[in-house]
PDB file of N, CA and C in Angstrom:
ATOM      1  N   UNK A   1       1.152  -1.038  -0.108  1.00  0.00           N
ATOM      2  CA  UNK A   1      -0.389  -0.361   0.233  1.00  0.00           C
ATOM      3  C   UNK A   1       0.831   0.983  -0.236  1.00  0.00           C
ATOM      4  N   UNK A   2       0.065   2.118  -0.722  1.00  0.00           N
ATOM      5  CA  UNK A   2       1.522   3.785  -1.144  1.00  0.00           C
ATOM      6  C   UNK A   2       0.718   4.420   0.126  1.00  0.00           C
ATOM      7  N   UNK A   3       2.295   4.740   0.906  1.00  0.00           N
ATOM      8  CA  UNK A   3       2.371   6.125   2.359  1.00  0.00           C
ATOM      9  C   UNK A   3       2.649   7.437   1.572  1.00  0.00           C
ATOM     10  N   UNK A   4       1.968   8.384   2.366  1.00  0.00           N
ATOM     11  CA  UNK A   4       1.834   9.528   1.589  1.00  0.00           C
ATOM     12  C   UNK A   4       2.460  10.355   3.172  1.00  0.00           C
ATOM     13  N   UNK A   5       3.836  11.246   2.590  1.00  0.00           N
ATOM     14  CA  UNK A   5       3.897  12.071   3.900  1.00  0.00           C
ATOM     15  C   UNK A   5       2.744  13.888   3.965  1.00  0.00           C
ATOM     16  N   UNK A   6       2.522  13.404   5.468  1.00  0.00           N
ATOM     17  CA  UNK A   6       2.113  14.856   5.907  1.00  0.00           C
ATOM     18  C   UNK A   6       2.367  15.313   6.409  1.00  0.00           C
ATOM     19  N   UNK A   7       1.671  16.759   7.006  1.00  0.00           N
ATOM     20  CA  UNK A   7       1.820  17.178   8.281  1.00  0.00           C
ATOM     21  C   UNK A   7       0.679  17.499   8.706  1.00  0.00           C
ATOM     22  N   UNK A   8       0.607  17.585  10.330  1.00  0.00           N
ATOM     23  CA  UNK A   8      -0.083  18.244  11.276  1.00  0.00           C
ATOM     24  C   UNK A   8       0.010  19.556  11.916  1.00  0.00           C
ATOM     25  N   UNK A   9      -0.706  20.561  12.437  1.00  0.00           N
ATOM     26  CA  UNK A   9       0.008  21.921  12.573  1.00  0.00           C
ATOM     27  C   UNK A   9      -1.076  22.026  13.492  1.00  0.00           C
ATOM     28  N   UNK A  10      -0.580  22.483  14.668  1.00  0.00           N
ATOM     29  CA  UNK A  10      -1.271  23.484  15.753  1.00  0.00           C
ATOM     30  C   UNK A  10      -0.493  24.597  16.041  1.00  0.00           C
ATOM     31  N   UNK A  11      -1.232  26.213  16.478  1.00  0.00           N
ATOM     32  CA  UNK A  11      -0.582  27.124  17.052  1.00  0.00           C
ATOM     33  C   UNK A  11      -1.946  27.388  18.701  1.00  0.00           C
ATOM     34  N   UNK A  12      -1.506  27.751  19.142  1.00  0.00           N
ATOM     35  CA  UNK A  12      -2.163  28.337  20.338  1.00  0.00           C
ATOM     36  C   UNK A  12      -2.034  28.328  21.775  1.00  0.00           C
ATOM     37  N   UNK A  13      -2.754  28.670  22.526  1.00  0.00           N
ATOM     38  CA  UNK A  13      -2.317  28.984  23.557  1.00  0.00           C
ATOM     39  C   UNK A  13      -1.314  27.689  25.109  1.00  0.00           C
ATOM     40  N   UNK A  14      -1.582  26.811  24.100  1.00  0.00           N
ATOM     41  CA  UNK A  14      -1.370  25.787  25.104  1.00  0.00           C
ATOM     42  C   UNK A  14       0.823  25.177  24.088  1.00  0.00           C
ATOM     43  N   UNK A  15       0.412  26.093  23.267  1.00  0.00           N
ATOM     44  CA  UNK A  15       1.785  25.934  22.280  1.00  0.00           C
ATOM     45  C   UNK A  15       1.713  25.938  21.004  1.00  0.00           C
ATOM     46  N   UNK A  16       3.046  25.552  20.311  1.00  0.00           N
ATOM     47  CA  UNK A  16       2.707  24.997  18.807  1.00  0.00           C
ATOM     48  C   UNK A  16       3.499  24.226  18.520  1.00  0.00           C
ATOM     49  N   UNK A  17       3.317  23.511  17.573  1.00  0.00           N
ATOM     50  CA  UNK A  17       3.916  22.573  16.821  1.00  0.00           C
ATOM     51  C   UNK A  17       3.662  21.769  15.374  1.00  0.00           C
ATOM     52  N   UNK A  18       4.196  21.076  15.103  1.00  0.00           N
ATOM     53  CA  UNK A  18       4.071  20.749  13.383  1.00  0.00           C
ATOM     54  C   UNK A  18       5.158  19.096  13.147  1.00  0.00           C
ATOM     55  N   UNK A  19       4.248  18.645  13.204  1.00  0.00           N
ATOM     56  CA  UNK A  19       4.177  16.670  13.438  1.00  0.00           C
ATOM     57  C   UNK A  19       4.053  16.005  11.652  1.00  0.00           C
ATOM     58  N   UNK A  20       5.399  15.736  11.631  1.00  0.00           N
ATOM     59  CA  UNK A  20       5.839  15.235  10.201  1.00  0.00           C
ATOM     60  C   UNK A  20       5.721  13.701  10.365  1.00  0.00           C
ATOM     61  N   UNK A  21       4.963  12.928   9.608  1.00  0.00           N
ATOM     62  CA  UNK A  21       3.834  11.603   9.492  1.00  0.00           C
ATOM     63  C   UNK A  21       3.657  11.830   8.250  1.00  0.00           C
ATOM     64  N   UNK A  22       4.058   9.998   8.191  1.00  0.00           N
ATOM     65  CA  UNK A  22       4.312   8.967   7.253  1.00  0.00           C
ATOM     66  C   UNK A  22       2.296   8.174   7.353  1.00  0.00           C
ATOM     67  N   UNK A  23       2.033   8.974   6.789  1.00  0.00           N
ATOM     68  CA  UNK A  23       0.598   7.124   7.105  1.00  0.00           C
ATOM     69  C   UNK A  23       0.426   7.075   5.335  1.00  0.00           C
ATOM     70  N   UNK A  24      -0.854   5.619   5.745  1.00  0.00           N
ATOM     71  CA  UNK A  24      -0.597   4.866   4.736  1.00  0.00           C
ATOM     72  C   UNK A  24      -2.131   5.673   3.284  1.00  0.00           C
ATOM     73  N   UNK A  25      -1.674   5.696   2.224  1.00  0.00           N
ATOM     74  CA  UNK A  25      -2.797   6.383   1.491  1.00  0.00           C
ATOM     75  C   UNK A  25      -4.346   6.039   1.340  1.00  0.00           C
ATOM     76  N   UNK A  26      -4.940   6.773   1.982  1.00  0.00           N
ATOM     77  CA  UNK A  26      -6.881   7.202   2.157  1.00  0.00           C
ATOM     78  C   UNK A  26      -6.503   7.290   4.276  1.00  0.00           C
ATOM     79  N   UNK A  27      -5.917   7.846   4.769  1.00  0.00           N
ATOM     80  CA  UNK A  27      -6.035   8.493   5.536  1.00  0.00           C
ATOM     81  C   UNK A  27      -6.417   9.242   5.740  1.00  0.00           C
ATOM     82  N   UNK A  28      -7.669   9.681   6.532  1.00  0.00           N
ATOM     83  CA  UNK A  28      -8.414  10.718   6.845  1.00  0.00           C
ATOM     84  C   UNK A  28      -7.412  11.966   7.793  1.00  0.00           C
ATOM     85  N   UNK A  29      -7.894  13.067   7.656  1.00  0.00           N
ATOM     86  CA  UNK A  29      -7.144  14.310   8.235  1.00  0.00           C
ATOM     87  C   UNK A  29      -7.215  14.317   9.323  1.00  0.00           C
ATOM     88  N   UNK A  30      -8.631  13.569  10.112  1.00  0.00           N
ATOM     89  CA  UNK A  30      -8.996  13.512  11.667  1.00  0.00           C
ATOM     90  C   UNK A  30      -8.065  12.384  12.102  1.00  0.00           C
ATOM     91  N   UNK A  31      -7.780  11.472  11.028  1.00  0.00           N
ATOM     92  CA  UNK A  31      -7.303  10.568  11.466  1.00  0.00           C
ATOM     93  C   UNK A  31      -5.787  10.642  11.546  1.00  0.00           C
ATOM     94  N   UNK A  32      -5.296  11.515  10.809  1.00  0.00           N
ATOM     95  CA  UNK A  32      -3.784  11.840  10.686  1.00  0.00           C
ATOM     96  C   UNK A  32      -3.552  12.906  12.020  1.00  0.00           C
ATOM     97  N   UNK A  33      -4.627  13.550  12.325  1.00  0.00           N
ATOM     98  CA  UNK A  33      -4.911  14.218  13.722  1.00  0.00           C
ATOM     99  C   UNK A  33      -4.475  13.431  15.147  1.00  0.00           C
ATOM    100  N   UNK A  34      -5.178  12.386  14.937  1.00  0.00           N
ATOM    101  CA  UNK A  34      -5.174  11.538  16.623  1.00  0.00           C
ATOM    102  C   UNK A  34      -3.924  10.758  16.327  1.00  0.00           C
ATOM    103  N   UNK A  35      -4.025  10.504  14.985  1.00  0.00           N
ATOM    104  CA  UNK A  35      -2.271  10.414  15.072  1.00  0.00           C
ATOM    105  C   UNK A  35      -1.074  10.808  15.670  1.00  0.00           C
ATOM    106  N   UNK A  36      -1.010  12.322  15.303  1.00  0.00           N
ATOM    107  CA  UNK A  36      -0.344  13.202  15.828  1.00  0.00           C
ATOM    108  C   UNK A  36      -0.450  14.072  17.204  1.00  0.00           C
ATOM    109  N   UNK A  37      -1.836  13.813  17.796  1.00  0.00           N
ATOM    110  CA  UNK A  37      -2.147  14.332  18.718  1.00  0.00           C
ATOM    111  C   UNK A  37      -0.816  13.981  20.367  1.00  0.00           C
ATOM    112  N   UNK A  38      -0.262  12.907  20.358  1.00  0.00           N
ATOM    113  CA  UNK A  38       0.737  12.683  21.486  1.00  0.00           C
ATOM    114  C   UNK A  38       1.931  13.527  21.087  1.00  0.00           C
ATOM    115  N   UNK A  39       2.362  14.047  20.040  1.00  0.00           N
ATOM    116  CA  UNK A  39       3.528  14.702  19.578  1.00  0.00           C
ATOM    117  C   UNK A  39       3.288  16.583  19.592  1.00  0.00           C
ATOM    118  N   UNK A  40       1.684  16.507  19.883  1.00  0.00           N
ATOM    119  CA  UNK A  40       1.341  17.908  19.766  1.00  0.00           C
ATOM    120  C   UNK A  40       1.444  19.009  21.257  1.00  0.00           C
ATOM    121  N   UNK A  41       0.941  19.760  21.490  1.00  0.00           N
ATOM    122  CA  UNK A  41       1.200  20.713  23.184  1.00  0.00           C
ATOM    123  C   UNK A  41       0.684  19.423  23.596  1.00  0.00           C
ATOM    124  N   UNK A  42       0.378  19.692  25.013  1.00  0.00           N
ATOM    125  CA  UNK A  42      -0.288  18.896  25.950  1.00  0.00           C
ATOM    126  C   UNK A  42      -1.517  19.692  26.624  1.00  0.00           C
ATOM    127  N   UNK A  43      -2.653  19.290  26.523  1.00  0.00           N
ATOM    128  CA  UNK A  43      -3.499  19.788  27.242  1.00  0.00           C
ATOM    129  C   UNK A  43      -4.775  20.239  25.900  1.00  0.00           C
ATOM    130  N   UNK A  44      -4.530  19.417  24.403  1.00  0.00           N
ATOM    131  CA  UNK A  44      -4.588  20.718  22.908  1.00  0.00           C
ATOM    132  C   UNK A  44      -5.600  19.475  23.189  1.00  0.00           C
ATOM    133  N   UNK A  45      -7.341  19.829  22.922  1.00  0.00           N
ATOM    134  CA  UNK A  45      -7.987  18.810  22.450  1.00  0.00           C
ATOM    135  C   UNK A  45      -8.504  19.159  21.449  1.00  0.00           C
ATOM    136  N   UNK A  46      -8.545  18.737  19.872  1.00  0.00           N
ATOM    137  CA  UNK A  46      -8.853  19.243  18.829  1.00  0.00           C
ATOM    138  C   UNK A  46     -10.517  18.592  18.771  1.00  0.00           C
ATOM    139  N   UNK A  47     -11.004  19.791  17.724  1.00  0.00           N
ATOM    140  CA  UNK A  47     -12.706  19.698  17.387  1.00  0.00           C
ATOM    141  C   UNK A  47     -12.378  18.955  15.998  1.00  0.00           C
ATOM    142  N   UNK A  48     -13.256  17.807  15.527  1.00  0.00           N
ATOM    143  CA  UNK A  48     -12.996  17.353  14.613  1.00  0.00           C
ATOM    144  C   UNK A  48     -13.595  18.211  13.668  1.00  0.00           C
ATOM    145  N   UNK A  49     -15.130  19.202  13.953  1.00  0.00           N
ATOM    146  CA  UNK A  49     -15.278  20.144  13.369  1.00  0.00           C
ATOM    147  C   UNK A  49     -14.793  21.247  12.882  1.00  0.00           C
ATOM    148  N   UNK A  50     -13.342  21.096  13.142  1.00  0.00           N
ATOM    149  CA  UNK A  50     -12.546  22.341  12.915  1.00  0.00           C
ATOM    150  C   UNK A  50     -10.844  22.355  12.517  1.00  0.00           C
ATOM    151  N   UNK A  51     -10.921  21.311  11.362  1.00  0.00           N
ATOM    152  CA  UNK A  51      -9.821  21.137  10.716  1.00  0.00           C
ATOM    153  C   UNK A  51      -9.576  21.799   9.247  1.00  0.00           C
ATOM    154  N   UNK A  52      -8.217  22.145   8.609  1.00  0.00           N
ATOM    155  CA  UNK A  52      -8.205  22.587   7.522  1.00  0.00           C
ATOM    156  C   UNK A  52      -7.403  21.732   6.911  1.00  0.00           C
ATOM    157  N   UNK A  53      -6.857  22.280   5.688  1.00  0.00           N
ATOM    158  CA  UNK A  53      -5.809  21.919   4.822  1.00  0.00           C
ATOM    159  C   UNK A  53      -4.888  23.437   4.434  1.00  0.00           C
ATOM    160  N   UNK A  54      -4.029  23.660   4.719  1.00  0.00           N
ATOM    161  CA  UNK A  54      -3.685  25.212   3.806  1.00  0.00           C
ATOM    162  C   UNK A  54      -5.002  25.846   4.037  1.00  0.00           C
ATOM    163  N   UNK A  55      -4.942  26.097   5.305  1.00  0.00           N
ATOM    164  CA  UNK A  55      -5.876  27.500   5.470  1.00  0.00           C
ATOM    165  C   UNK A  55      -7.826  27.419   4.749  1.00  0.00           C
ATOM    166  N   UNK A  56      -7.612  25.859   4.239  1.00  0.00           N
ATOM    167  CA  UNK A  56      -9.476  25.777   4.004  1.00  0.00           C
ATOM    168  C   UNK A  56     -10.217  25.161   4.704  1.00  0.00           C
ATOM    169  N   UNK A  57     -11.365  25.025   4.936  1.00  0.00           N
ATOM    170  CA  UNK A  57     -11.687  24.333   6.356  1.00  0.00           C
ATOM    171  C   UNK A  57     -11.881  22.661   5.194  1.00  0.00           C
ATOM    172  N   UNK A  58     -12.375  21.827   5.653  1.00  0.00           N
ATOM    173  CA  UNK A  58     -12.404  20.609   6.032  1.00  0.00           C
ATOM    174  C   UNK A  58     -12.803  19.720   6.243  1.00  0.00           C
ATOM    175  N   UNK A  59     -13.878  18.668   5.981  1.00  0.00           N
ATOM    176  CA  UNK A  59     -14.365  17.569   6.611  1.00  0.00           C
ATOM    177  C   UNK A  59     -13.230  16.954   7.336  1.00  0.00           C
ATOM    178  N   UNK A  60     -13.779  15.768   8.707  1.00  0.00           N
ATOM    179  CA  UNK A  60     -13.018  15.464   8.823  1.00  0.00           C
ATOM    180  C   UNK A  60     -12.488  14.076   8.393  1.00  0.00           C
ATOM    181  N   UNK A  61     -13.576  13.610   7.611  1.00  0.00           N
ATOM    182  CA  UNK A  61     -13.301  12.229   6.928  1.00  0.00           C
ATOM    183  C   UNK A  61     -12.742  12.422   5.433  1.00  0.00           C
ATOM    184  N   UNK A  62     -12.194  14.172   5.356  1.00  0.00           N
ATOM    185  CA  UNK A  62     -11.200  14.078   3.568  1.00  0.00           C
ATOM    186  C   UNK A  62     -10.060  13.451   3.738  1.00  0.00           C
ATOM    187  N   UNK A  63     -10.078  12.399   2.826  1.00  0.00           N
ATOM    188  CA  UNK A  63      -8.186  11.910   2.377  1.00  0.00           C
ATOM    189  C   UNK A  63      -7.746  12.628   2.045  1.00  0.00           C
ATOM    190  N   UNK A  64      -6.059  12.794   2.905  1.00  0.00           N
ATOM    191  CA  UNK A  64      -5.444  13.015   2.898  1.00  0.00           C
ATOM    192  C   UNK A  64      -4.580  12.760   0.884  1.00  0.00           C
ATOM    193  N   UNK A  65      -3.831  13.722   0.941  1.00  0.00           N
ATOM    194  CA  UNK A  65      -2.967  13.676  -0.325  1.00  0.00           C
ATOM    195  C   UNK A  65      -2.174  14.005  -0.368  1.00  0.00           C
ATOM    196  N   UNK A  66      -0.335  13.346  -0.789  1.00  0.00           N
ATOM    197  CA  UNK A  66       0.448  13.389  -0.444  1.00  0.00           C
ATOM    198  C   UNK A  66       1.317  15.446  -0.302  1.00  0.00           C
ATOM    199  N   UNK A  67       1.674  15.625   0.920  1.00  0.00           N
ATOM    200  CA  UNK A  67       2.256  17.146   1.009  1.00  0.00           C
ATOM    201  C   UNK A  67       1.071  17.658   1.844  1.00  0.00           C
ATOM    202  N   UNK A  68      -0.473  17.369   2.348  1.00  0.00           N
ATOM    203  CA  UNK A  68      -0.865  17.949   2.683  1.00  0.00           C
ATOM    204  C   UNK A  68      -0.538  18.451   4.355  1.00  0.00           C
ATOM    205  N   UNK A  69      -0.635  19.388   4.393  1.00  0.00           N
ATOM    206  CA  UNK A  69      -0.642  20.096   5.782  1.00  0.00           C
ATOM    207  C   UNK A  69      -1.531  20.576   7.104  1.00  0.00           C
ATOM    208  N   UNK A  70      -2.233  19.506   7.850  1.00  0.00           N
ATOM    209  CA  UNK A  70      -3.403  19.336   8.285  1.00  0.00           C
ATOM    210  C   UNK A  70      -3.643  20.605   9.168  1.00  0.00           C
ATOM    211  N   UNK A  71      -4.425  21.249   9.360  1.00  0.00           N
ATOM    212  CA  UNK A  71      -4.262  22.479  10.731  1.00  0.00           C
ATOM    213  C   UNK A  71      -5.844  22.027  11.233  1.00  0.00           C
ATOM    214  N   UNK A  72      -5.161  22.197  12.679  1.00  0.00           N
ATOM    215  CA  UNK A  72      -6.700  22.527  13.654  1.00  0.00           C
ATOM    216  C   UNK A  72      -6.631  23.372  13.979  1.00  0.00           C
ATOM    217  N   UNK A  73      -7.516  24.291  13.868  1.00  0.00           N
ATOM    218  CA  UNK A  73      -8.007  25.358  14.306  1.00  0.00           C
ATOM    219  C   UNK A  73      -8.779  25.957  15.765  1.00  0.00           C
ATOM    220  N   UNK A  74      -8.349  26.740  16.052  1.00  0.00           N
ATOM    221  CA  UNK A  74      -9.098  26.945  17.552  1.00  0.00           C
ATOM    222  C   UNK A  74     -10.432  27.166  17.519  1.00  0.00           C
ATOM    223  N   UNK A  75     -10.814  27.370  18.497  1.00  0.00           N
ATOM    224  CA  UNK A  75     -12.387  28.056  18.974  1.00  0.00           C
ATOM    225  C   UNK A  75     -12.713  29.497  18.234  1.00  0.00           C
ATOM    226  N   UNK A  76     -13.112  30.600  18.293  1.00  0.00           N
ATOM    227  CA  UNK A  76     -12.946  31.694  18.283  1.00  0.00           C
ATOM    228  C   UNK A  76     -13.410  31.974  19.175  1.00  0.00           C
ATOM    229  N   UNK A  77     -12.849  32.799  19.908  1.00  0.00           N
ATOM    230  CA  UNK A  77     -13.220  33.446  20.973  1.00  0.00           C
ATOM    231  C   UNK A  77     -13.823  35.170  20.998  1.00  0.00           C
ATOM    232  N   UNK A  78     -14.111  35.598  19.692  1.00  0.00           N
ATOM    233  CA  UNK A  78     -14.886  36.785  19.605  1.00  0.00           C
ATOM    234  C   UNK A  78     -15.906  36.482  18.587  1.00  0.00           C
ATOM    235  N   UNK A  79     -16.903  36.538  18.391  1.00  0.00           N
ATOM    236  CA  UNK A  79     -17.425  36.903  17.111  1.00  0.00           C
ATOM    237  C   UNK A  79     -16.597  38.583  16.273  1.00  0.00           C
ATOM    238  N   UNK A  80     -16.524  37.814  15.010  1.00  0.00           N
ATOM    239  CA  UNK A  80     -15.875  38.613  13.962  1.00  0.00           C
ATOM    240  C   UNK A  80     -17.092  39.912  13.852  1.00  0.00           C
ATOM    241  N   UNK A  81     -18.182  39.764  13.790  1.00  0.00           N
ATOM    242  CA  UNK A  81     -18.692  40.773  13.431  1.00  0.00           C
ATOM    243  C   UNK A  81     -18.797  42.249  15.116  1.00  0.00           C
ATOM    244  N   UNK A  82     -18.839  41.363  16.030  1.00  0.00           N
ATOM    245  CA  UNK A  82     -18.802  42.075  16.912  1.00  0.00           C
ATOM    246  C   UNK A  82     -16.863  42.743  17.390  1.00  0.00           C
ATOM    247  N   UNK A  83     -16.231  42.075  16.812  1.00  0.00           N
ATOM    248  CA  UNK A  83     -15.184  42.712  17.098  1.00  0.00           C
ATOM    249  C   UNK A  83     -15.318  44.255  16.429  1.00  0.00           C
ATOM    250  N   UNK A  84     -15.424  43.487  15.094  1.00  0.00           N
ATOM    251  CA  UNK A  84     -15.448  44.720  14.268  1.00  0.00           C
ATOM    252  C   UNK A  84     -16.284  46.402  14.567  1.00  0.00           C
ATOM    253  N   UNK A  85     -17.537  45.630  15.426  1.00  0.00           N
ATOM    254  CA  UNK A  85     -18.666  46.632  16.128  1.00  0.00           C
ATOM    255  C   UNK A  85     -17.584  47.568  17.233  1.00  0.00           C
ATOM    256  N   UNK A  86     -17.053  46.433  17.722  1.00  0.00           N
ATOM    257  CA  UNK A  86     -16.014  47.405  18.838  1.00  0.00           C
ATOM    258  C   UNK A  86     -14.516  48.170  18.847  1.00  0.00           C
ATOM    259  N   UNK A  87     -14.388  47.718  17.366  1.00  0.00           N
ATOM    260  CA  UNK A  87     -13.043  48.387  16.525  1.00  0.00           C
ATOM    261  C   UNK A  87     -13.719  50.144  16.224  1.00  0.00           C
ATOM    262  N   UNK A  88     -15.371  49.649  15.888  1.00  0.00           N
ATOM    263  CA  UNK A  88     -15.335  50.804  14.753  1.00  0.00           C
ATOM    264  C   UNK A  88     -16.007  51.691  16.596  1.00  0.00           C
ATOM    265  N   UNK A  89     -16.343  51.340  17.227  1.00  0.00           N
ATOM    266  CA  UNK A  89     -16.707  52.119  18.388  1.00  0.00           C
ATOM    267  C   UNK A  89     -15.436  53.018  18.964  1.00  0.00           C
ATOM    268  N   UNK A  90     -14.452  52.082  19.090  1.00  0.00           N
ATOM    269  CA  UNK A  90     -12.799  52.960  19.252  1.00  0.00           C
ATOM    270  C   UNK A  90     -12.246  54.010  18.221  1.00  0.00           C
ATOM    271  N   UNK A  91     -12.521  53.694  17.171  1.00  0.00           N
ATOM    272  CA  UNK A  91     -12.366  54.659  16.167  1.00  0.00           C
ATOM    273  C   UNK A  91     -11.307  54.354  15.302  1.00  0.00           C
ATOM    274  N   UNK A  92     -10.906  53.146  16.072  1.00  0.00           N
ATOM    275  CA  UNK A  92      -9.760  52.005  14.752  1.00  0.00           C
ATOM    276  C   UNK A  92      -9.566  51.265  14.419  1.00  0.00           C
TER     277      UNK A  92
END
């Protein structure tokens, strides 16, 4: 069976990390995240609904291709529209 070189990346308050993996062809984005989790920052609890590949959101079951970088996204702290309103109110 063919193998693929991929990466799993995370950056957040727990720390940051990029884990290089060799996975079997057909491996899903979520499976790669679970394989990389022991080598990512302690305390990270990834959400399967918050994954992307090269800054494009993907479904957790999406099969990976050679060279993909699976990114684990954090939940938003503040709604983007609310952040804009606050900046506009401050005049920034």
